[in-house]
Protein backbone atom coordinates (compact mmCIF):
# COMPACT_ATOMS: atom_id res chain seq x y z
CA MET A 1 126.54 158.30 8.56
CA PRO A 2 129.26 160.73 7.29
CA SER A 3 128.19 163.05 4.39
CA PRO A 4 128.63 162.16 0.78
CA ASP A 5 131.08 164.45 -0.85
CA PRO A 6 129.83 167.90 -1.45
CA SER A 7 130.02 167.30 -5.29
CA LEU A 8 127.34 164.58 -4.78
CA GLY A 9 125.14 166.98 -3.64
CA ALA A 10 122.49 167.13 -6.70
CA THR A 11 118.94 166.20 -5.16
CA ILE A 12 115.46 165.72 -6.91
CA ALA A 13 112.27 166.85 -5.34
CA SER A 14 110.14 164.40 -3.91
CA GLY A 15 106.66 165.81 -2.32
CA GLY A 16 108.14 169.00 -1.50
CA GLN A 17 111.40 167.43 0.03
CA THR A 18 114.62 166.90 -1.60
CA LYS A 19 116.09 163.50 -2.14
CA PRO A 20 119.60 162.55 -3.25
CA ARG A 21 119.82 161.41 -6.55
CA LEU A 22 120.74 157.71 -7.22
CA LEU A 23 122.76 157.15 -10.40
CA THR A 24 125.24 159.83 -9.98
CA TRP A 25 128.85 159.68 -11.60
CA PRO A 26 130.54 158.54 -8.12
CA VAL A 27 128.00 155.92 -7.59
CA LEU A 28 128.68 154.33 -11.00
CA ALA A 29 132.30 154.93 -10.63
CA TRP A 30 132.40 153.05 -7.19
CA GLY A 31 130.06 150.16 -8.89
CA LEU A 32 132.52 149.81 -11.85
CA TRP A 33 135.03 148.21 -9.52
CA ASP A 34 132.36 145.89 -8.53
CA TRP A 35 131.92 145.23 -11.97
CA GLY A 36 135.64 144.64 -12.69
CA SER A 37 136.30 142.50 -9.56
CA ALA A 38 134.41 139.87 -11.40
CA ALA A 39 137.25 139.36 -13.53
CA PHE A 40 138.89 137.85 -10.30
CA ASN A 41 135.86 136.19 -8.56
CA ALA A 42 134.42 134.52 -11.69
CA VAL A 43 137.33 134.04 -14.45
CA ILE A 44 140.28 133.24 -11.95
CA THR A 45 138.89 131.76 -8.80
CA THR A 46 135.95 130.10 -9.69
CA PHE A 47 135.29 128.96 -13.36
CA VAL A 48 138.51 129.40 -15.51
CA PHE A 49 141.70 129.44 -13.95
CA ALA A 50 140.96 127.38 -10.67
CA THR A 51 139.70 124.57 -12.96
CA TYR A 52 142.40 124.57 -15.00
CA LEU A 53 144.96 124.44 -12.12
CA VAL A 54 143.22 121.18 -10.89
CA SER A 55 143.11 119.43 -14.36
CA SER A 56 145.16 116.45 -15.26
CA SER A 57 147.54 118.57 -16.75
CA PHE A 58 149.16 119.42 -13.59
CA GLY A 59 149.11 115.99 -12.07
CA ASP A 60 146.73 113.79 -10.15
CA PRO A 61 143.31 116.09 -10.10
CA THR A 62 142.53 114.95 -6.48
CA SER A 63 145.80 115.81 -5.28
CA ASN A 64 145.87 119.05 -7.18
CA GLN A 65 142.24 119.92 -5.36
CA SER A 66 144.20 119.03 -1.99
CA GLN A 67 147.24 121.22 -2.22
CA LEU A 68 144.65 124.24 -3.81
CA SER A 69 142.47 123.86 -0.74
CA ALA A 70 145.65 123.99 1.55
CA GLY A 71 147.02 127.20 -0.50
CA MET A 72 143.80 128.93 -0.26
CA ALA A 73 143.52 127.94 3.45
CA VAL A 74 146.98 129.93 4.25
CA ALA A 75 145.72 132.95 2.28
CA GLY A 76 142.48 132.80 4.15
CA LEU A 77 144.45 132.86 7.41
CA LEU A 78 146.62 135.87 6.19
CA ILE A 79 143.60 137.60 5.66
CA ALA A 80 142.09 137.00 8.66
CA LEU A 81 145.06 138.37 10.44
CA PHE A 82 145.76 141.52 8.24
CA ALA A 83 142.50 142.78 7.12
CA PRO A 84 141.30 144.65 10.25
CA ILE A 85 144.78 146.20 10.89
CA THR A 86 145.40 147.30 7.20
CA GLY A 87 141.97 148.90 7.24
CA GLN A 88 142.46 150.36 10.81
CA ARG A 89 145.65 151.90 9.48
CA ALA A 90 144.38 153.33 6.21
CA ASP A 91 141.93 154.90 8.22
CA ARG A 92 144.01 156.61 10.49
CA ASP A 93 146.57 157.75 7.87
CA GLY A 94 143.56 158.79 5.70
CA ARG A 95 144.99 156.86 2.71
CA ALA A 96 141.56 154.50 2.13
CA VAL A 97 141.59 155.44 -1.56
CA VAL A 98 145.48 155.10 -2.04
CA SER A 99 145.27 151.64 -0.12
CA LEU A 100 142.54 150.80 -2.66
CA GLY A 101 144.56 151.54 -5.73
CA ILE A 102 147.62 149.91 -4.44
CA TYR A 103 146.04 146.52 -3.55
CA THR A 104 143.91 146.70 -6.80
CA ALA A 105 147.25 147.43 -8.77
CA LEU A 106 148.69 144.14 -7.09
CA VAL A 107 145.73 142.00 -7.88
CA VAL A 108 145.95 143.16 -11.55
CA ALA A 109 149.55 142.25 -11.60
CA VAL A 110 149.18 139.00 -10.20
CA SER A 111 146.36 138.09 -12.36
CA ALA A 112 148.31 139.10 -15.50
CA ALA A 113 151.40 136.96 -13.81
CA LEU A 114 148.96 133.92 -14.16
CA PHE A 115 149.87 133.74 -18.00
CA LEU A 116 153.10 132.21 -16.64
CA VAL A 117 151.49 129.31 -15.34
CA LYS A 118 151.79 126.63 -17.88
CA PRO A 119 150.09 123.26 -18.01
CA ALA A 120 152.73 121.15 -16.62
CA PRO A 121 153.25 119.61 -13.00
CA GLY A 122 156.09 121.91 -12.34
CA TYR A 123 154.02 125.16 -12.40
CA LEU A 124 151.28 123.93 -10.17
CA TRP A 125 152.72 125.61 -7.18
CA LEU A 126 153.32 128.77 -9.09
CA GLY A 127 149.69 128.91 -10.01
CA ILE A 128 148.49 128.32 -6.17
CA VAL A 129 150.75 130.74 -4.85
CA LEU A 130 149.75 133.35 -7.34
CA MET A 131 146.21 132.83 -6.49
CA GLY A 132 146.66 132.92 -2.53
CA VAL A 133 148.75 136.24 -3.11
CA GLY A 134 145.86 137.56 -5.51
CA ASN A 135 143.08 136.58 -2.94
CA LEU A 136 144.86 138.27 -0.24
CA PHE A 137 145.26 141.32 -2.09
CA PHE A 138 141.71 141.43 -3.50
CA GLU A 139 140.17 141.07 0.25
CA LEU A 140 142.46 143.80 1.46
CA ALA A 141 141.29 145.87 -1.47
CA SER A 142 137.62 145.09 -1.01
CA VAL A 143 137.79 146.28 2.82
CA ASN A 144 138.61 149.72 1.36
CA TYR A 145 136.27 149.52 -1.29
CA ASN A 146 133.52 148.87 1.15
CA GLY A 147 134.57 151.50 3.34
CA LEU A 148 133.91 154.01 0.51
CA LEU A 149 130.43 153.10 0.23
CA SER A 150 129.23 155.74 2.76
CA HIS A 151 131.23 158.47 0.78
CA VAL A 152 129.34 158.17 -2.46
CA THR A 153 125.90 158.40 -1.59
CA ALA A 154 123.87 159.77 1.20
CA LYS A 155 122.07 157.56 4.24
CA GLU A 156 118.70 157.57 2.40
CA ARG A 157 120.35 155.83 -0.74
CA ILE A 158 122.80 153.64 0.88
CA GLY A 159 120.97 150.21 0.42
CA ALA A 160 120.10 150.98 -3.34
CA VAL A 161 123.79 151.99 -4.05
CA SER A 162 125.27 148.58 -2.31
CA GLY A 163 122.72 146.94 -4.44
CA ILE A 164 123.77 148.39 -7.74
CA GLY A 165 127.36 147.28 -6.85
CA TRP A 166 126.57 143.81 -6.01
CA GLY A 167 124.53 143.52 -9.07
CA MET A 168 126.84 145.17 -11.32
CA GLY A 169 129.41 142.38 -9.88
CA TYR A 170 127.34 139.48 -10.78
CA LEU A 171 126.36 140.85 -14.41
CA GLY A 172 129.85 141.92 -14.89
CA GLY A 173 131.27 138.43 -13.96
CA ILE A 174 128.57 137.19 -16.82
CA VAL A 175 129.84 139.40 -19.17
CA LEU A 176 133.17 138.70 -19.09
CA LEU A 177 132.67 134.78 -18.71
CA LEU A 178 130.73 134.91 -22.14
CA VAL A 179 133.56 137.04 -23.85
CA VAL A 180 136.14 134.66 -22.54
CA TYR A 181 134.04 131.74 -23.52
CA ALA A 182 133.31 132.75 -27.05
CA GLY A 183 136.42 134.47 -28.00
CA LEU A 184 139.09 132.04 -26.26
CA ILE A 185 137.72 128.81 -24.67
CA SER A 186 135.14 127.38 -26.80
CA PRO A 187 136.64 127.90 -30.40
CA GLU A 188 139.39 125.63 -31.62
CA VAL A 189 141.19 128.76 -32.61
CA GLY A 190 139.97 131.74 -30.84
CA TRP A 191 140.96 135.34 -31.10
CA PHE A 192 144.49 136.74 -32.18
CA GLY A 193 144.77 133.06 -33.40
CA VAL A 194 144.85 131.50 -29.87
CA THR A 195 144.58 127.87 -29.23
CA SER A 196 144.50 125.43 -26.38
CA ALA A 197 147.94 124.47 -27.27
CA ASN A 198 150.00 124.67 -24.08
CA GLY A 199 147.21 126.03 -22.11
CA LEU A 200 147.45 129.40 -24.02
CA ASN A 201 143.78 130.22 -24.42
CA VAL A 202 143.04 130.14 -20.69
CA ARG A 203 146.48 132.08 -20.12
CA VAL A 204 145.43 134.65 -22.35
CA ALA A 205 142.05 134.92 -20.57
CA MET A 206 144.24 135.60 -17.50
CA LEU A 207 145.79 138.63 -19.34
CA MET A 208 142.19 139.77 -20.50
CA ALA A 209 140.91 139.42 -16.96
CA ALA A 210 143.62 141.73 -15.39
CA ALA A 211 142.95 144.05 -18.03
CA TRP A 212 139.32 144.19 -17.59
CA PHE A 213 139.86 144.55 -13.59
CA GLY A 214 142.53 147.14 -14.05
CA ILE A 215 140.19 149.47 -16.78
CA SER A 216 137.36 148.90 -14.50
CA ALA A 217 138.70 150.22 -11.37
CA ILE A 218 140.39 153.65 -12.77
CA PRO A 219 136.95 155.65 -12.25
CA VAL A 220 136.41 155.00 -8.69
CA LEU A 221 140.27 155.69 -7.75
CA LEU A 222 140.14 159.18 -9.84
CA THR A 223 136.76 160.24 -8.41
CA GLN A 224 137.52 159.38 -4.87
CA SER A 225 140.98 160.40 -5.16
CA SER A 226 139.76 163.91 -5.48
CA ALA A 227 136.89 163.60 -3.24
CA ALA A 228 139.33 162.34 -0.77
CA LYS A 229 141.26 165.69 -1.07
CA ARG A 230 138.29 167.95 -0.74
CA ARG A 231 137.27 166.01 2.52
CA ARG A 232 141.04 166.73 3.92
CA ARG A 233 140.55 170.48 3.00
CA LEU A 234 137.48 170.87 5.02
CA GLU A 235 138.72 168.65 7.93
CA GLU A 236 141.98 170.79 8.23
CA PRO A 237 140.88 173.96 9.86
CA ALA A 238 139.30 171.51 12.83
CA ALA A 239 142.52 169.67 13.33
CA GLY A 240 143.91 172.22 16.00
CA ASP A 241 140.74 172.55 17.48
CA PRO A 242 140.70 170.60 20.77
CA GLY A 243 136.95 170.51 20.88
CA ALA A 244 137.19 168.61 17.59
CA ASP A 245 139.39 165.84 18.34
CA SER A 246 136.58 163.55 19.66
CA ALA A 247 134.94 163.43 15.95
CA ARG A 248 137.44 160.75 15.14
CA ARG A 249 138.37 158.80 18.22
CA ILE A 250 136.99 156.05 20.70
CA PRO A 251 136.35 157.89 23.89
CA GLU A 252 136.75 154.68 25.89
CA MET A 253 140.35 154.14 24.29
CA GLY A 254 141.21 157.66 25.24
CA THR A 255 141.02 156.70 28.68
CA GLU A 256 143.15 153.83 28.51
CA PRO A 257 147.10 154.00 29.05
CA ALA A 258 149.01 154.04 26.02
CA GLU A 259 151.18 151.08 25.25
CA PRO A 260 154.91 150.73 24.92
CA GLY A 261 155.16 151.24 20.83
CA ASP A 262 151.78 153.21 20.32
CA ILE A 263 151.95 156.43 18.74
CA PRO A 264 150.78 159.31 20.77
CA SER A 265 147.01 160.07 19.95
CA THR A 266 146.21 163.24 17.89
CA GLY A 267 142.39 162.66 18.33
CA GLY A 268 142.40 160.04 15.49
CA VAL A 269 142.56 162.74 12.90
CA ILE A 270 143.74 162.13 9.60
CA GLY A 271 147.29 161.54 9.49
CA ALA A 272 147.80 160.08 12.72
CA GLY A 273 149.39 156.92 13.17
CA ARG A 274 151.32 156.84 10.04
CA HIS A 275 154.27 155.41 11.48
CA GLU A 276 152.52 152.84 13.82
CA SER A 277 153.93 149.37 14.36
CA ILE A 278 152.02 146.53 13.47
CA LEU A 279 152.25 145.46 16.99
CA ALA A 280 150.86 148.89 18.09
CA SER A 281 147.96 148.47 15.30
CA TYR A 282 147.05 145.16 17.00
CA ARG A 283 147.01 147.02 20.29
CA HIS A 284 144.63 149.54 18.77
CA LEU A 285 142.22 146.64 17.37
CA TRP A 286 142.12 144.86 20.70
CA ARG A 287 141.00 148.37 22.67
CA THR A 288 138.37 148.53 19.37
CA LEU A 289 136.97 145.16 20.34
CA ARG A 290 136.81 145.99 23.93
CA SER A 291 134.99 148.99 23.23
CA LEU A 292 132.59 147.49 21.02
CA TYR A 293 131.83 144.63 23.51
CA ARG A 294 131.09 147.22 26.42
CA SER A 295 129.21 149.79 24.12
CA HIS A 296 127.96 148.07 20.99
CA PRO A 297 127.46 144.28 21.74
CA ASN A 298 125.07 144.31 18.93
CA VAL A 299 127.56 145.01 16.67
CA LEU A 300 129.61 142.14 17.80
CA ARG A 301 126.57 139.76 17.48
CA PHE A 302 125.90 140.96 13.60
CA LEU A 303 129.55 140.11 12.91
CA LEU A 304 129.38 136.67 14.23
CA ALA A 305 126.00 136.18 12.72
CA SER A 306 126.69 137.51 9.46
CA ALA A 307 130.16 135.55 9.20
CA ILE A 308 127.89 132.24 9.45
CA PHE A 309 125.31 133.30 7.07
CA ARG A 310 127.66 134.61 4.53
CA ASP A 311 129.33 131.46 4.32
CA GLY A 312 126.25 129.53 3.75
CA LEU A 313 125.43 131.91 1.21
CA ALA A 314 128.92 131.26 -0.55
CA GLY A 315 127.94 127.43 -0.20
CA VAL A 316 124.85 127.99 -2.27
CA PHE A 317 126.92 129.36 -5.25
CA ALA A 318 130.05 126.98 -4.60
CA TYR A 319 128.15 124.00 -4.63
CA GLY A 320 125.36 124.85 -6.85
CA GLY A 321 126.93 123.65 -10.34
CA ILE A 322 128.16 120.35 -8.41
CA ILE A 323 124.59 119.66 -7.11
CA ALA A 324 123.25 120.32 -10.76
CA ARG A 325 125.72 117.97 -12.23
CA THR A 326 125.79 115.14 -9.76
CA ILE A 327 122.08 115.09 -8.51
CA PHE A 328 120.05 116.46 -11.10
CA ASP A 329 122.26 115.08 -14.13
CA PHE A 330 122.86 118.46 -15.69
CA SER A 331 125.48 118.14 -18.83
CA ASP A 332 128.51 120.65 -18.48
CA ALA A 333 126.39 122.85 -20.93
CA GLN A 334 123.61 122.87 -19.08
CA VAL A 335 125.57 123.73 -15.80
CA ILE A 336 126.88 127.08 -17.94
CA GLN A 337 123.61 127.97 -19.01
CA PHE A 338 122.18 127.74 -15.25
CA ALA A 339 125.29 129.60 -14.09
CA VAL A 340 124.87 132.23 -16.35
CA ALA A 341 121.03 132.54 -15.80
CA ALA A 342 121.63 132.50 -11.87
CA ASN A 343 124.31 135.17 -11.87
CA VAL A 344 122.05 137.49 -14.07
CA VAL A 345 118.90 136.86 -11.80
CA ALA A 346 121.01 137.46 -8.65
CA GLY A 347 122.13 140.73 -10.54
CA ILE A 348 118.79 141.92 -11.05
CA ALA A 349 117.42 141.02 -7.85
CA THR A 350 120.31 142.45 -5.69
CA ILE A 351 119.94 145.98 -7.69
CA ALA A 352 116.02 145.84 -7.31
CA CYS A 353 116.29 144.66 -3.50
CA GLY A 354 118.38 147.72 -3.01
CA ARG A 355 115.69 149.96 -2.78
CA LEU A 356 114.06 147.48 -0.65
CA ASP A 357 116.83 148.00 1.74
CA ASP A 358 116.46 151.50 1.82
CA LEU A 359 112.66 151.35 2.74
CA ILE A 360 112.67 148.50 5.47
CA GLY A 361 116.27 148.48 6.50
CA PRO A 362 118.84 145.81 5.65
CA ARG A 363 117.99 143.59 8.89
CA ARG A 364 114.63 142.70 7.41
CA VAL A 365 115.97 142.45 3.96
CA ILE A 366 118.67 139.60 5.24
CA MET A 367 116.03 137.94 7.43
CA GLY A 368 113.45 137.74 4.55
CA SER A 369 116.20 136.43 2.13
CA LEU A 370 117.46 133.76 4.62
CA VAL A 371 113.75 132.50 5.24
CA ILE A 372 113.36 131.85 1.43
CA LEU A 373 116.71 130.57 1.09
CA VAL A 374 115.92 127.95 4.05
CA VAL A 375 112.44 127.04 2.46
CA ALA A 376 113.89 126.72 -1.23
CA GLY A 377 116.67 124.69 0.04
CA ASN A 378 114.86 122.18 2.07
CA ALA A 379 112.36 122.16 -1.08
CA LEU A 380 115.31 120.94 -3.38
CA PHE A 381 116.22 118.38 -0.74
CA LEU A 382 112.84 116.73 -0.48
CA LEU A 383 112.40 117.02 -4.24
CA HIS A 384 115.69 116.10 -5.62
CA ASP A 385 114.20 113.04 -7.79
CA GLY A 386 112.11 115.76 -9.44
CA GLY A 387 113.93 116.48 -12.56
CA LYS A 388 115.84 119.28 -14.14
CA ALA A 389 112.71 121.56 -14.07
CA VAL A 390 112.66 121.39 -10.01
CA PHE A 391 116.21 122.51 -10.01
CA TRP A 392 115.51 125.29 -12.32
CA ALA A 393 113.01 126.75 -10.39
CA LEU A 394 114.10 126.33 -6.99
CA GLY A 395 117.82 127.13 -7.94
CA LEU A 396 116.78 130.16 -9.33
CA ALA A 397 114.74 131.05 -6.27
CA LEU A 398 118.04 130.62 -4.25
CA SER A 399 119.91 132.72 -6.57
CA ALA A 400 117.64 135.62 -6.39
CA CYS A 401 118.17 135.58 -2.56
CA VAL A 402 121.74 135.40 -2.21
CA GLY A 403 122.76 138.77 -3.54
CA PRO A 404 120.19 141.15 -1.64
CA ALA A 405 121.34 139.22 1.85
CA GLN A 406 125.17 140.05 0.91
CA SER A 407 124.24 143.37 -0.25
CA ALA A 408 122.35 144.20 2.82
CA SER A 409 124.96 142.60 5.10
CA ARG A 410 127.29 145.25 3.84
CA THR A 411 124.76 148.19 4.14
CA PHE A 412 123.94 146.98 7.83
CA LEU A 413 127.75 147.89 8.86
CA ALA A 414 128.03 150.82 6.60
CA ARG A 415 125.09 152.56 8.21
CA LEU A 416 126.41 152.35 11.60
CA ILE A 417 130.32 152.98 11.01
CA PRO A 418 131.37 156.53 11.92
CA ASP A 419 133.45 158.34 9.56
CA GLY A 420 137.10 157.44 9.60
CA ARG A 421 136.48 154.01 10.90
CA GLU A 422 135.07 152.18 7.86
CA GLY A 423 138.61 150.23 7.07
CA GLU A 424 138.80 149.19 10.54
CA ILE A 425 135.37 147.90 11.09
CA PHE A 426 135.16 146.22 7.40
CA GLY A 427 138.46 144.87 8.10
CA LEU A 428 136.63 142.90 11.29
CA TYR A 429 133.73 142.10 8.93
CA ALA A 430 136.29 140.24 6.54
CA THR A 431 138.07 138.52 9.23
CA THR A 432 135.09 137.01 11.08
CA GLY A 433 134.09 135.99 7.38
CA ARG A 434 136.99 133.85 6.94
CA ALA A 435 137.15 132.63 10.33
CA ALA A 436 133.96 130.90 9.55
CA SER A 437 134.48 130.07 5.92
CA PHE A 438 135.07 126.32 6.93
CA LEU A 439 131.73 125.97 7.81
CA ALA A 440 129.79 125.17 4.71
CA PRO A 441 132.47 122.94 2.98
CA ALA A 442 132.50 120.89 6.54
CA LEU A 443 128.89 120.46 6.77
CA TYR A 444 128.33 119.75 3.11
CA GLY A 445 130.69 116.84 3.48
CA ALA A 446 129.40 115.77 6.92
CA ALA A 447 125.90 115.53 5.69
CA ILE A 448 126.63 113.49 2.67
CA TRP A 449 128.46 111.05 5.14
CA VAL A 450 125.66 111.28 7.26
CA GLY A 451 123.11 110.46 4.68
CA ALA A 452 125.31 107.40 3.13
CA CYS A 453 124.67 105.87 6.51
CA PHE A 454 120.98 106.04 6.03
CA VAL A 455 120.53 105.60 2.55
CA GLY A 456 123.88 103.78 1.48
CA GLN A 457 125.06 105.23 -2.09
CA GLY A 458 123.58 107.93 -4.11
CA ALA A 459 123.50 110.24 -0.68
CA GLY A 460 124.95 113.40 -2.69
CA HIS A 461 121.72 115.26 -2.08
CA TRP A 462 122.10 115.07 1.58
CA GLY A 463 124.80 117.80 1.09
CA ILE A 464 122.08 120.37 0.64
CA LEU A 465 121.05 119.99 4.35
CA GLY A 466 124.65 120.94 5.14
CA ILE A 467 124.44 123.98 3.65
CA MET A 468 120.81 124.51 4.93
CA THR A 469 122.19 123.93 8.41
CA VAL A 470 124.60 126.92 7.98
CA LEU A 471 121.78 129.26 6.84
CA ILE A 472 119.82 128.18 9.60
CA ALA A 473 122.29 128.77 12.20
CA GLY A 474 123.04 132.20 10.58
CA LEU A 475 119.26 132.79 10.68
CA VAL A 476 118.71 131.93 14.51
CA LEU A 477 121.98 134.38 15.38
CA MET A 478 120.76 136.94 13.30
CA ALA A 479 116.95 136.91 14.71
CA GLY A 480 118.84 138.27 18.12
CA VAL A 481 120.32 141.26 16.36
CA LYS A 482 118.79 144.52 16.43
CA GLY A 483 118.52 146.65 13.20
CA PRO A 484 120.87 149.52 13.02
CA ASP A 485 119.59 152.61 14.18
CA GLY A 486 122.19 155.07 14.34
CA HIS A 487 126.05 155.48 14.46
CA LEU A 488 127.87 153.85 16.72
CA GLN A 489 127.76 156.63 19.46
CA HIS A 490 131.06 155.58 21.05
CA LEU A 491 132.71 155.30 18.46
CA SER A 492 132.22 158.68 16.64
């Protein structure tokens, strides 16, 4: 694990030993990006703009949903194609912080541009394209953001810091949703005299979301920009040292012949590959995959397992409101109340379990969370006619396990990746996640179809089994993955 920046070196005494401080300014600055990113995840892609875009104002709602799904599928494909090579190129250029700033700024700009989407059929595809482009840039920004985790804290605190980030994301989403709902969506005349006429309340909410994310992202960009400069100054003396070349390269790759179009190797030091072609980047990525297959198959097994269980985790939240509304007869207001409670519980649980991650390791946190999710989910299926109290109890139990599993999945990789390869490996992490993102929706629908064959009408609760199938598959695959026990030696 790379050492955090020297400016983070404050420690506290603990039993005669020194222990890195947890809540340092770089950690809080890093977590604020997660806090602000909720503007895109919660307000734009989930609760406010997405529901606005599929409403009858834009045409037939069913057709709108199909077209939006198609647009998001295209965005997902582009993310899968570009996430690993953009992360890799940022690593090799030493520009992870710059790339984070550029992609974040693009997300903010796209979010603000959603103000232009008026409630009329002719604006549907403008909204879909902007959402798709925003998703692409958001995921590319996330690759670089995740890669900074190992630079803001020491190895002993990486689980707690990741948990703080995820938790701040959940809580930030709830705060912004409540602000938008109370100030713009709910009242007949909201702040600044905004009404629902011509969709103005939703459109102004997009400007607010853009400002929220942009302002929240500034601290980590400023903090890590100065930290990156210090790291470069420390590394520059070693740049001409032949013995230091192996510090930022994959040895197996160094023995492979260069392909036409590849940039001559500089030992992988910062600044290398700055003019590398896209094709050469894919060749480099392929060599990384071959190196992982030969030397670290456990990492590839983890990428596969996490891709599947992360899709199941996403399904828990994506279909939670639908299950509450259609199976447990929640009103719209009750769904919102549950959403607020679920995100608060998820945020608190994630922050708390971050410390557990540091104590027992991310693999055990993931396995424990998945076991509880499977048990609670199947109980929800069996007790589907038990009323609202059953959903509140089991739904909150499910919510409490989603965040810890997501956070521990991130720290699992962060504990392994050597300095200078964060963007590349987290790019693969994003790609594998996108590749499996069809599983939960597909199995949710398939399970309902199977249920209808057995019980006829009213088989909606069978969709729960579809999501549980994805989680069980991820759990089984994760059982064959060993916990991280050090860096990827052949990638260091």
